[in-house]
Amino acid sequence: MLVDHLGAFAATACYDELSVQDVDAAKLRVLDLLGAALAGVTLGNGRLLLPLVQCAGPSSVWGTHIRASMRDAALVNSFLAHSTYLEDGSRFTGGHPSSVVIPSALAVADAHPCTGRQLIGAIVIGYEVFLRLGRAIYPRVVMKGFQSTSVLGSVAAAATVVNLLRMPSPHSAHALAIACTLGVGLKAALHSSGSQPLQVARSCEGGIVAALFAAAGAHGYDAIIEEGYFNAFGDGAGTCALEDLGRRFSIGETYLKIHGGCRGNHAPIDAVQRIQSEHRFEADEVRSISIEVDSVTHSADIATPASGKDAQFSIRFGIASALLNGDASIFRFTDDAAAAPRMRALMSRIDVRPNKAFDKTYPKQRGARADLVLADGRQMTAFVENARGEPECPVTADEIARKFELLATPRLGTKTRRVMGLVMDLEALPDVRVLTSCFDPGARSCQPPSESL
């Protein structure tokens, strides 16, 4: 049964099996995810959720002075990270593994001290379970109305926790089986983007609960994936590739974002920016822009965003921001910007439509075509197969470092460079709590609890 294979893999795989590329990919994604979450704190995205934290404990709530239970810390950190829609993702699963895998890993590492190498190994294992199961159910899972991050997140988080706690078989298989029942989210919730991250956060929390429940002796159904999971979220005949499990890791296939907002916005932004870089014109010179995307991308688009949150799912807003401001960073997605007359005027000249021809190559390609007409009558066209940040057109480590500094400095101040250094040298860290202790902006130094020294 699949849970037996995946559970054994989650319990036994370790850092020593990873390539240098796998390790580097994991560190970049930790840095990237932390930046996204800290930006969420700065933007006040957790103001309604933070007061609901009730259980004090050993795990840090990033960017705050709060120490909470593993469950509460993972819930809040996952919510904050996903609330900015800046984390990495996979076009082959339609999901964002970092927002469930990394918060669960760091919450557990605070409560059960581990080395940087152990943390890296657990994160890569969590990614692997997310990405392999995701390929088996995507895009059918989205076509059925579910959000793939929530569906996959509980199982991936459970695998991460299993690995960190070195849970033996059969407990590890039971953990994943139980987790299969705890991750559900609806794609329609994306139209309420301020609350939607809670379904991802609950999936992250659910993975931790499933692992701890199994460790206490609870059993899950060994055929839950074949008889339940694939039927509910896939086409009923899904298969999860196992032949190279533990010999090849997929974490490097996820994309990293440069622009803010939903990933579906990014190829259109890139296409328009390509035209602008080649022809040099100002936003006010634009008469019209026609954008074509695949049907899945178009279905998530909010044509007339009423708020900054809505704007994160608006292709028109992303393009207009890039033309008016020179970028589409997360700090551009505000209520004031969404209502600004100049922004609204430019957005009204942008048309977005689905192109069925693009569906034939989705998700291998998630591209966009832009046809732009200037006021003087000049016409220009650009097509991009995939947005920047995909493995085919990667961003550099320096670009991710600059992104992290931009996102983290408003919250961490002078500690930003320290956190960056610890993450980029994570494999040498003897206690991950040295890193997590830096997440409290009020702490004078980065030190783990004294008993670990």
Protein backbone atom coordinates (compact mmCIF):
# COMPACT_ATOMS: atom_id res chain seq x y z
CA MET A 1 0.00 0.00 0.00
CA LEU A 2 1.19 3.53 -0.74
CA VAL A 3 1.09 4.71 2.86
CA ASP A 4 3.44 1.87 3.80
CA HIS A 5 5.97 2.85 1.13
CA LEU A 6 5.71 6.59 1.82
CA GLY A 7 5.72 6.06 5.58
CA ALA A 8 8.87 3.92 5.46
CA PHE A 9 10.53 6.52 3.24
CA ALA A 10 9.56 9.37 5.59
CA ALA A 11 10.88 7.48 8.61
CA THR A 12 14.25 6.43 7.21
CA ALA A 13 15.42 8.94 4.59
CA CYS A 14 18.05 11.38 5.83
CA TYR A 15 20.36 14.27 4.99
CA ASP A 16 23.22 12.01 3.89
CA GLU A 17 21.18 10.86 0.87
CA LEU A 18 20.81 14.40 -0.49
CA SER A 19 22.88 16.02 -3.21
CA VAL A 20 24.50 19.42 -2.84
CA GLN A 21 21.80 20.77 -5.15
CA ASP A 22 19.05 19.36 -2.91
CA VAL A 23 20.59 20.96 0.17
CA ASP A 24 21.03 24.32 -1.53
CA ALA A 25 17.45 24.21 -2.80
CA ALA A 26 16.14 23.50 0.70
CA LYS A 27 18.07 26.39 2.26
CA LEU A 28 16.86 28.84 -0.36
CA ARG A 29 13.28 27.78 0.23
CA VAL A 30 13.61 28.17 4.00
CA LEU A 31 14.95 31.69 3.49
CA ASP A 32 12.24 32.48 0.98
CA LEU A 33 9.42 31.17 3.17
CA LEU A 34 10.66 33.02 6.25
CA GLY A 35 10.69 36.25 4.26
CA ALA A 36 7.12 35.68 3.13
CA ALA A 37 5.94 35.02 6.69
CA LEU A 38 7.74 38.02 8.17
CA ALA A 39 6.20 40.23 5.51
CA GLY A 40 2.84 38.84 6.60
CA VAL A 41 3.52 40.03 10.15
CA THR A 42 4.58 43.48 8.91
CA LEU A 43 1.43 43.78 6.83
CA GLY A 44 -0.75 42.87 9.81
CA ASN A 45 -2.13 39.74 8.20
CA GLY A 46 -2.17 37.87 11.50
CA ARG A 47 -3.95 40.51 13.57
CA LEU A 48 -7.18 38.49 13.76
CA LEU A 49 -5.53 35.09 14.23
CA LEU A 50 -2.79 35.90 16.77
CA PRO A 51 -5.22 36.68 19.62
CA LEU A 52 -6.64 33.18 19.21
CA VAL A 53 -3.34 31.54 20.23
CA GLN A 54 -4.12 29.97 23.61
CA CYS A 55 -1.47 27.39 24.38
CA ALA A 56 1.94 28.59 25.52
CA GLY A 57 4.80 26.34 24.55
CA PRO A 58 8.31 26.01 23.15
CA SER A 59 7.72 26.94 19.50
CA SER A 60 8.30 30.42 18.11
CA VAL A 61 5.68 32.46 16.30
CA TRP A 62 7.92 34.17 13.78
CA GLY A 63 8.34 37.92 13.98
CA THR A 64 6.70 38.12 17.41
CA HIS A 65 7.66 37.57 21.05
CA ILE A 66 5.10 34.72 21.32
CA ARG A 67 6.08 31.16 22.19
CA ALA A 68 3.27 28.69 21.60
CA SER A 69 2.53 25.00 21.34
CA MET A 70 3.80 23.21 18.25
CA ARG A 71 0.26 23.13 16.86
CA ASP A 72 -0.47 26.80 17.42
CA ALA A 73 2.92 27.99 16.21
CA ALA A 74 2.70 25.92 13.04
CA LEU A 75 -0.86 27.12 12.44
CA VAL A 76 0.03 30.81 12.74
CA ASN A 77 3.33 30.62 10.88
CA SER A 78 1.76 28.69 8.02
CA PHE A 79 -1.07 31.22 7.85
CA LEU A 80 1.33 34.18 7.82
CA ALA A 81 3.53 32.63 5.14
CA HIS A 82 0.65 31.76 2.84
CA SER A 83 -1.14 35.06 3.47
CA THR A 84 1.35 36.94 1.33
CA TYR A 85 1.17 34.49 -1.59
CA LEU A 86 4.92 34.88 -1.97
CA GLU A 87 6.11 31.36 -1.18
CA ASP A 88 7.43 28.83 -3.65
CA GLY A 89 5.16 26.46 -5.53
CA SER A 90 4.89 23.71 -8.10
CA ARG A 91 3.08 24.03 -11.39
CA PHE A 92 2.84 20.24 -11.50
CA THR A 93 0.76 20.14 -8.30
CA GLY A 94 -0.82 23.59 -8.22
CA GLY A 95 0.37 23.83 -4.62
CA HIS A 96 2.85 25.47 -2.27
CA PRO A 97 4.79 22.89 -0.24
CA SER A 98 6.92 25.34 1.73
CA SER A 99 3.92 26.87 3.52
CA VAL A 100 3.09 23.54 5.19
CA VAL A 101 6.42 21.70 5.32
CA ILE A 102 8.68 24.42 6.73
CA PRO A 103 6.36 25.74 9.49
CA SER A 104 5.75 22.19 10.73
CA ALA A 105 9.48 21.40 10.65
CA LEU A 106 10.52 24.50 12.60
CA ALA A 107 7.69 24.17 15.13
CA VAL A 108 8.81 20.62 15.92
CA ALA A 109 12.50 21.61 15.93
CA ASP A 110 11.76 24.13 18.69
CA ALA A 111 10.14 21.45 20.83
CA HIS A 112 12.44 18.56 19.92
CA PRO A 113 15.91 20.07 19.30
CA CYS A 114 17.65 18.95 16.14
CA THR A 115 20.59 19.89 13.97
CA GLY A 116 20.43 21.89 10.79
CA ARG A 117 21.18 18.76 8.80
CA GLN A 118 18.25 16.93 10.36
CA LEU A 119 15.99 19.88 9.60
CA ILE A 120 17.10 20.02 5.97
CA GLY A 121 16.53 16.28 5.56
CA ALA A 122 13.02 16.47 7.04
CA ILE A 123 12.09 19.41 4.80
CA VAL A 124 13.25 17.65 1.64
CA ILE A 125 11.32 14.52 2.64
CA GLY A 126 8.16 16.56 3.24
CA TYR A 127 8.53 18.18 -0.16
CA GLU A 128 8.95 14.79 -1.80
CA VAL A 129 5.70 13.41 -0.40
CA PHE A 130 3.86 16.61 -1.36
CA LEU A 131 5.18 16.66 -4.92
CA ARG A 132 4.76 12.96 -5.69
CA LEU A 133 1.21 12.77 -4.39
CA GLY A 134 0.46 16.10 -6.04
CA ARG A 135 1.46 14.88 -9.48
CA ALA A 136 -0.92 11.95 -9.00
CA ILE A 137 -4.01 14.09 -8.37
CA TYR A 138 -3.32 17.35 -10.24
CA PRO A 139 -5.02 19.03 -12.08
CA ARG A 140 -8.07 16.89 -11.33
CA VAL A 141 -8.03 18.00 -7.69
CA VAL A 142 -8.48 21.63 -8.74
CA MET A 143 -11.10 20.76 -11.36
CA LYS A 144 -13.10 19.16 -8.53
CA GLY A 145 -12.99 22.44 -6.64
CA PHE A 146 -10.30 21.69 -4.05
CA GLN A 147 -7.17 23.68 -3.23
CA SER A 148 -4.25 21.36 -3.72
CA THR A 149 -2.00 22.92 -1.05
CA SER A 150 -4.54 22.10 1.65
CA VAL A 151 -5.22 18.61 0.31
CA LEU A 152 -1.53 17.72 0.08
CA GLY A 153 -0.28 19.75 3.02
CA SER A 154 -1.40 17.54 5.88
CA VAL A 155 0.31 14.45 4.44
CA ALA A 156 3.49 16.38 3.64
CA ALA A 157 3.58 17.95 7.10
CA ALA A 158 3.06 14.55 8.70
CA ALA A 159 5.95 13.12 6.67
CA THR A 160 8.16 16.00 7.84
CA VAL A 161 7.30 15.40 11.49
CA VAL A 162 7.74 11.64 11.13
CA ASN A 163 11.24 12.23 9.81
CA LEU A 164 12.24 14.70 12.51
CA LEU A 165 10.94 12.46 15.29
CA ARG A 166 12.38 9.33 13.61
CA MET A 167 9.11 7.52 14.08
CA PRO A 168 9.46 3.78 13.36
CA SER A 169 7.20 1.67 11.19
CA PRO A 170 4.30 1.06 11.38
CA HIS A 171 3.69 4.34 13.26
CA SER A 172 5.03 6.32 10.31
CA ALA A 173 2.55 4.76 7.87
CA HIS A 174 -0.31 5.32 10.30
CA ALA A 175 0.71 8.99 10.59
CA LEU A 176 0.42 9.51 6.83
CA ALA A 177 -2.83 7.55 6.62
CA ILE A 178 -4.43 9.66 9.33
CA ALA A 179 -3.11 12.84 7.72
CA CYS A 180 -4.85 11.94 4.45
CA THR A 181 -8.15 12.66 6.18
CA LEU A 182 -7.15 16.02 7.67
CA GLY A 183 -6.28 18.20 4.68
CA VAL A 184 -9.18 19.78 2.83
CA GLY A 185 -9.54 23.21 1.28
CA LEU A 186 -11.71 24.74 -1.42
CA LYS A 187 -10.34 26.62 -4.41
CA ALA A 188 -13.31 29.02 -4.29
CA ALA A 189 -11.95 30.28 -0.96
CA LEU A 190 -9.20 32.05 -2.90
CA HIS A 191 -11.79 34.72 -3.67
CA SER A 192 -11.67 35.58 0.03
CA SER A 193 -7.92 35.82 0.18
CA GLY A 194 -7.72 37.28 3.68
CA SER A 195 -9.19 34.17 5.31
CA GLN A 196 -8.25 31.52 2.73
CA PRO A 197 -4.78 30.88 4.24
CA LEU A 198 -6.47 29.38 7.28
CA GLN A 199 -7.32 26.22 5.33
CA VAL A 200 -3.64 25.80 4.48
CA ALA A 201 -2.67 26.50 8.09
CA ARG A 202 -5.14 23.91 9.38
CA SER A 203 -3.65 21.39 6.96
CA CYS A 204 -0.18 22.11 8.36
CA GLU A 205 -1.48 21.75 11.91
CA GLY A 206 -3.32 18.57 10.91
CA GLY A 207 -0.11 16.93 9.77
CA ILE A 208 1.48 17.52 13.16
CA VAL A 209 -1.59 16.17 14.96
CA ALA A 210 -1.66 13.09 12.73
CA ALA A 211 1.99 12.30 13.44
CA LEU A 212 1.65 12.77 17.20
CA PHE A 213 -1.62 10.79 17.24
CA ALA A 214 0.07 7.89 15.44
CA ALA A 215 3.06 8.07 17.75
CA ALA A 216 0.61 7.65 20.65
CA GLY A 217 -0.70 4.45 19.06
CA ALA A 218 -3.54 5.53 16.77
CA HIS A 219 -4.04 3.60 13.53
CA GLY A 220 -4.95 4.79 10.06
CA TYR A 221 -6.39 2.74 7.19
CA ASP A 222 -3.59 1.27 5.10
CA ALA A 223 -5.49 1.60 1.79
CA ILE A 224 -6.68 5.16 2.42
CA ILE A 225 -4.79 6.61 -0.56
CA GLU A 226 -5.93 4.03 -3.11
CA GLU A 227 -9.51 3.72 -1.90
CA GLY A 228 -10.19 7.19 -0.52
CA TYR A 229 -7.65 9.90 -1.35
CA PHE A 230 -7.37 9.25 -5.09
CA ASN A 231 -11.14 8.87 -5.44
CA ALA A 232 -11.91 12.06 -3.53
CA PHE A 233 -9.23 14.33 -4.97
CA GLY A 234 -8.10 12.69 -8.21
CA ASP A 235 -9.72 10.65 -10.95
CA GLY A 236 -9.74 7.44 -8.92
CA ALA A 237 -6.93 5.90 -10.92
CA GLY A 238 -4.02 7.99 -9.69
CA THR A 239 -0.60 6.48 -9.27
CA CYS A 240 2.23 7.79 -7.14
CA ALA A 241 5.64 7.11 -8.63
CA LEU A 242 7.79 5.04 -6.28
CA GLU A 243 10.49 3.51 -8.42
CA ASP A 244 13.17 6.09 -7.55
CA LEU A 245 11.85 7.11 -4.14
CA GLY A 246 14.80 7.98 -1.92
CA ARG A 247 17.22 8.15 -4.85
CA ARG A 248 15.91 11.29 -6.55
CA PHE A 249 14.47 14.32 -4.80
CA SER A 250 12.16 16.85 -6.40
CA ILE A 251 12.53 19.95 -4.25
CA GLY A 252 14.46 21.75 -7.00
CA GLU A 253 11.46 21.59 -9.35
CA THR A 254 9.47 24.15 -7.37
CA TYR A 255 9.49 27.74 -8.55
CA LEU A 256 10.50 30.79 -6.53
CA LYS A 257 8.62 34.05 -6.94
CA ILE A 258 9.93 37.50 -7.70
CA HIS A 259 6.60 39.29 -8.12
CA GLY A 260 3.88 39.48 -5.49
CA GLY A 261 0.44 37.93 -5.88
CA CYS A 262 -0.83 34.67 -7.32
CA ARG A 263 1.59 32.72 -9.50
CA GLY A 264 -0.85 32.89 -12.39
CA ASN A 265 -0.20 36.65 -12.59
CA HIS A 266 3.53 36.29 -13.12
CA ALA A 267 3.86 35.07 -16.71
CA PRO A 268 1.58 37.92 -17.90
CA ILE A 269 3.67 40.43 -15.93
CA ASP A 270 6.88 38.98 -17.38
CA ALA A 271 5.49 39.19 -20.91
CA VAL A 272 4.52 42.85 -20.53
CA GLN A 273 7.82 43.72 -18.85
CA ARG A 274 9.65 42.06 -21.73
CA ILE A 275 7.82 44.31 -24.19
CA GLN A 276 8.53 47.39 -22.11
CA SER A 277 12.23 46.61 -21.75
CA GLU A 278 12.55 46.22 -25.51
CA HIS A 279 10.48 49.23 -26.61
CA ARG A 280 10.75 51.73 -23.73
CA PHE A 281 7.38 53.36 -23.12
CA GLU A 282 5.51 54.83 -20.15
CA ALA A 283 2.34 53.43 -18.62
CA ASP A 284 0.27 56.41 -19.77
CA GLU A 285 1.18 55.63 -23.40
CA VAL A 286 -0.68 52.29 -23.29
CA ARG A 287 -3.91 52.22 -25.27
CA SER A 288 -4.72 48.56 -24.65
CA ILE A 289 -3.23 45.26 -23.51
CA SER A 290 -4.70 41.86 -24.35
CA ILE A 291 -3.53 38.93 -22.22
CA GLU A 292 -4.11 35.25 -22.98
CA VAL A 293 -3.57 32.53 -20.37
CA ASP A 294 -4.65 28.94 -19.76
CA SER A 295 -8.09 28.21 -18.33
CA VAL A 296 -6.85 27.20 -14.86
CA THR A 297 -5.01 30.49 -14.47
CA HIS A 298 -7.96 32.46 -15.80
CA SER A 299 -10.35 30.81 -13.33
CA ALA A 300 -8.46 32.30 -10.36
CA ASP A 301 -8.31 35.82 -11.79
CA ILE A 302 -10.22 38.61 -10.04
CA ALA A 303 -11.00 41.11 -12.78
CA THR A 304 -11.95 44.08 -10.59
CA PRO A 305 -10.28 43.75 -7.19
CA ALA A 306 -12.06 45.58 -4.37
CA SER A 307 -9.08 45.47 -2.00
CA GLY A 308 -5.37 44.85 -1.79
CA LYS A 309 -6.08 41.24 -0.87
CA ASP A 310 -8.21 40.78 -3.97
CA ALA A 311 -5.51 42.44 -6.05
CA GLN A 312 -3.18 39.52 -5.30
CA PHE A 313 -5.41 37.46 -7.61
CA SER A 314 -5.78 40.12 -10.29
CA ILE A 315 -3.67 39.78 -13.43
CA ARG A 316 -4.72 43.30 -14.43
CA PHE A 317 -3.52 44.76 -11.15
CA GLY A 318 -0.16 42.97 -11.32
CA ILE A 319 0.51 44.24 -14.82
CA ALA A 320 -0.65 47.76 -14.01
CA SER A 321 1.54 47.86 -10.89
CA ALA A 322 4.58 46.74 -12.87
CA LEU A 323 3.97 49.44 -15.48
CA LEU A 324 3.17 52.24 -13.03
CA ASN A 325 5.70 51.43 -10.31
CA GLY A 326 8.38 49.38 -12.03
CA ASP A 327 7.61 46.31 -9.94
CA ALA A 328 4.79 44.21 -8.49
CA SER A 329 6.22 43.58 -5.02
CA ILE A 330 3.96 42.47 -2.18
CA PHE A 331 4.00 45.96 -0.68
CA ARG A 332 2.18 47.28 -3.78
CA PHE A 333 -0.93 45.21 -3.03
CA THR A 334 -2.78 47.67 -0.80
CA ASP A 335 -6.36 48.87 -0.57
CA ASP A 336 -5.29 52.38 -1.54
CA ALA A 337 -3.43 51.12 -4.62
CA ALA A 338 -6.40 49.01 -5.71
CA ALA A 339 -8.67 52.09 -5.51
CA ALA A 340 -6.25 54.63 -7.03
CA PRO A 341 -7.78 56.34 -10.10
CA ARG A 342 -4.63 55.98 -12.21
CA MET A 343 -4.42 52.27 -11.37
CA ARG A 344 -8.10 51.76 -12.15
CA ALA A 345 -7.78 53.62 -15.43
CA LEU A 346 -4.88 51.48 -16.60
CA MET A 347 -6.55 48.26 -15.48
CA SER A 348 -9.63 49.17 -17.54
CA ARG A 349 -7.43 49.07 -20.65
CA ILE A 350 -6.25 45.51 -19.92
CA ASP A 351 -8.26 42.51 -21.12
CA VAL A 352 -7.59 38.97 -19.85
CA ARG A 353 -9.04 35.92 -21.55
CA PRO A 354 -8.46 32.15 -21.61
CA ASN A 355 -6.86 30.49 -24.62
CA LYS A 356 -7.86 26.83 -24.93
CA ALA A 357 -4.67 26.13 -26.91
CA PHE A 358 -2.66 26.88 -23.77
CA ASP A 359 -4.59 24.19 -21.87
CA LYS A 360 -2.97 21.53 -24.04
CA THR A 361 0.50 22.24 -22.64
CA TYR A 362 -0.56 23.02 -19.06
CA PRO A 363 1.03 22.45 -16.54
CA LYS A 364 4.28 21.73 -18.40
CA GLN A 365 3.95 25.28 -19.60
CA ARG A 366 2.07 27.97 -17.69
CA GLY A 367 2.74 30.79 -20.07
CA ALA A 368 1.09 33.95 -21.29
CA ARG A 369 0.77 35.97 -24.48
CA ALA A 370 0.63 39.76 -24.32
CA ASP A 371 -0.52 41.96 -27.22
CA LEU A 372 0.06 45.63 -26.46
CA VAL A 373 -1.02 48.70 -28.42
CA LEU A 374 0.35 52.16 -27.68
CA ALA A 375 -1.46 55.46 -28.16
CA ASP A 376 0.61 56.18 -31.29
CA GLY A 377 -0.67 52.96 -32.90
CA ARG A 378 2.43 50.79 -32.43
CA GLN A 379 1.61 47.13 -31.75
CA MET A 380 3.85 44.74 -29.84
CA THR A 381 3.63 41.10 -28.82
CA ALA A 382 5.46 38.84 -26.40
CA PHE A 383 5.00 35.25 -25.29
CA VAL A 384 6.62 33.54 -22.31
CA GLU A 385 6.38 29.79 -21.78
CA ASN A 386 6.83 30.01 -18.01
CA ALA A 387 7.28 32.79 -15.50
CA ARG A 388 10.69 33.59 -14.06
CA GLY A 389 11.67 31.42 -11.11
CA GLU A 390 10.80 28.09 -12.70
CA PRO A 391 13.65 25.56 -13.10
CA GLU A 392 13.76 26.42 -16.82
CA CYS A 393 14.34 30.11 -16.04
CA PRO A 394 15.61 30.20 -12.45
CA VAL A 395 16.25 33.18 -10.25
CA THR A 396 19.62 33.38 -8.49
CA ALA A 397 20.44 32.90 -4.83
CA ASP A 398 21.41 36.57 -4.70
CA GLU A 399 17.95 37.55 -5.94
CA ILE A 400 16.29 35.49 -3.21
CA ALA A 401 18.64 37.02 -0.64
CA ARG A 402 17.66 40.52 -1.77
CA LYS A 403 14.00 39.53 -1.65
CA PHE A 404 14.46 38.25 1.90
CA GLU A 405 16.13 41.46 3.02
CA LEU A 406 13.31 43.54 1.57
CA LEU A 407 10.65 41.42 3.27
CA ALA A 408 12.33 40.69 6.62
CA THR A 409 14.10 43.93 7.53
CA PRO A 410 10.94 45.85 8.53
CA ARG A 411 10.35 43.20 11.20
CA LEU A 412 13.80 41.89 12.16
CA GLY A 413 15.88 45.01 11.64
CA THR A 414 19.57 44.38 12.29
CA LYS A 415 18.93 40.66 12.83
CA THR A 416 18.04 40.20 9.16
CA ARG A 417 21.61 39.53 8.03
CA ARG A 418 22.18 37.21 10.98
CA VAL A 419 19.15 35.10 10.07
CA MET A 420 20.22 35.03 6.44
CA GLY A 421 23.69 33.79 7.40
CA LEU A 422 22.32 31.06 9.68
CA VAL A 423 19.94 29.78 7.01
CA MET A 424 22.52 29.76 4.24
CA ASP A 425 24.88 27.80 6.52
CA LEU A 426 22.11 25.67 8.00
CA GLU A 427 23.88 22.35 7.52
CA ALA A 428 26.54 23.48 10.02
CA LEU A 429 24.07 24.50 12.74
CA PRO A 430 24.22 22.19 15.80
CA ASP A 431 20.86 23.39 17.20
CA VAL A 432 18.12 24.89 15.03
CA ARG A 433 16.90 26.87 18.02
CA VAL A 434 19.82 29.24 17.46
CA LEU A 435 18.00 30.24 14.28
CA THR A 436 14.46 30.32 15.67
CA SER A 437 15.54 32.43 18.64
CA CYS A 438 16.34 35.19 16.13
CA PHE A 439 12.71 35.43 15.05
CA ASP A 440 11.75 37.43 18.17
CA PRO A 441 12.34 41.07 17.19
CA GLY A 442 12.63 42.06 20.86
CA ALA A 443 15.34 39.55 21.80
CA ARG A 444 18.80 41.05 22.23
CA SER A 445 20.68 38.08 20.79
CA CYS A 446 20.14 34.80 18.97
CA GLN A 447 20.57 32.10 21.59
CA PRO A 448 18.74 28.82 22.20
CA PRO A 449 17.57 27.89 25.70
CA SER A 450 20.51 27.51 28.07
CA GLU A 451 19.98 23.78 28.63
CA SER A 452 20.98 23.09 25.01
CA LEU A 453 24.37 24.79 25.31
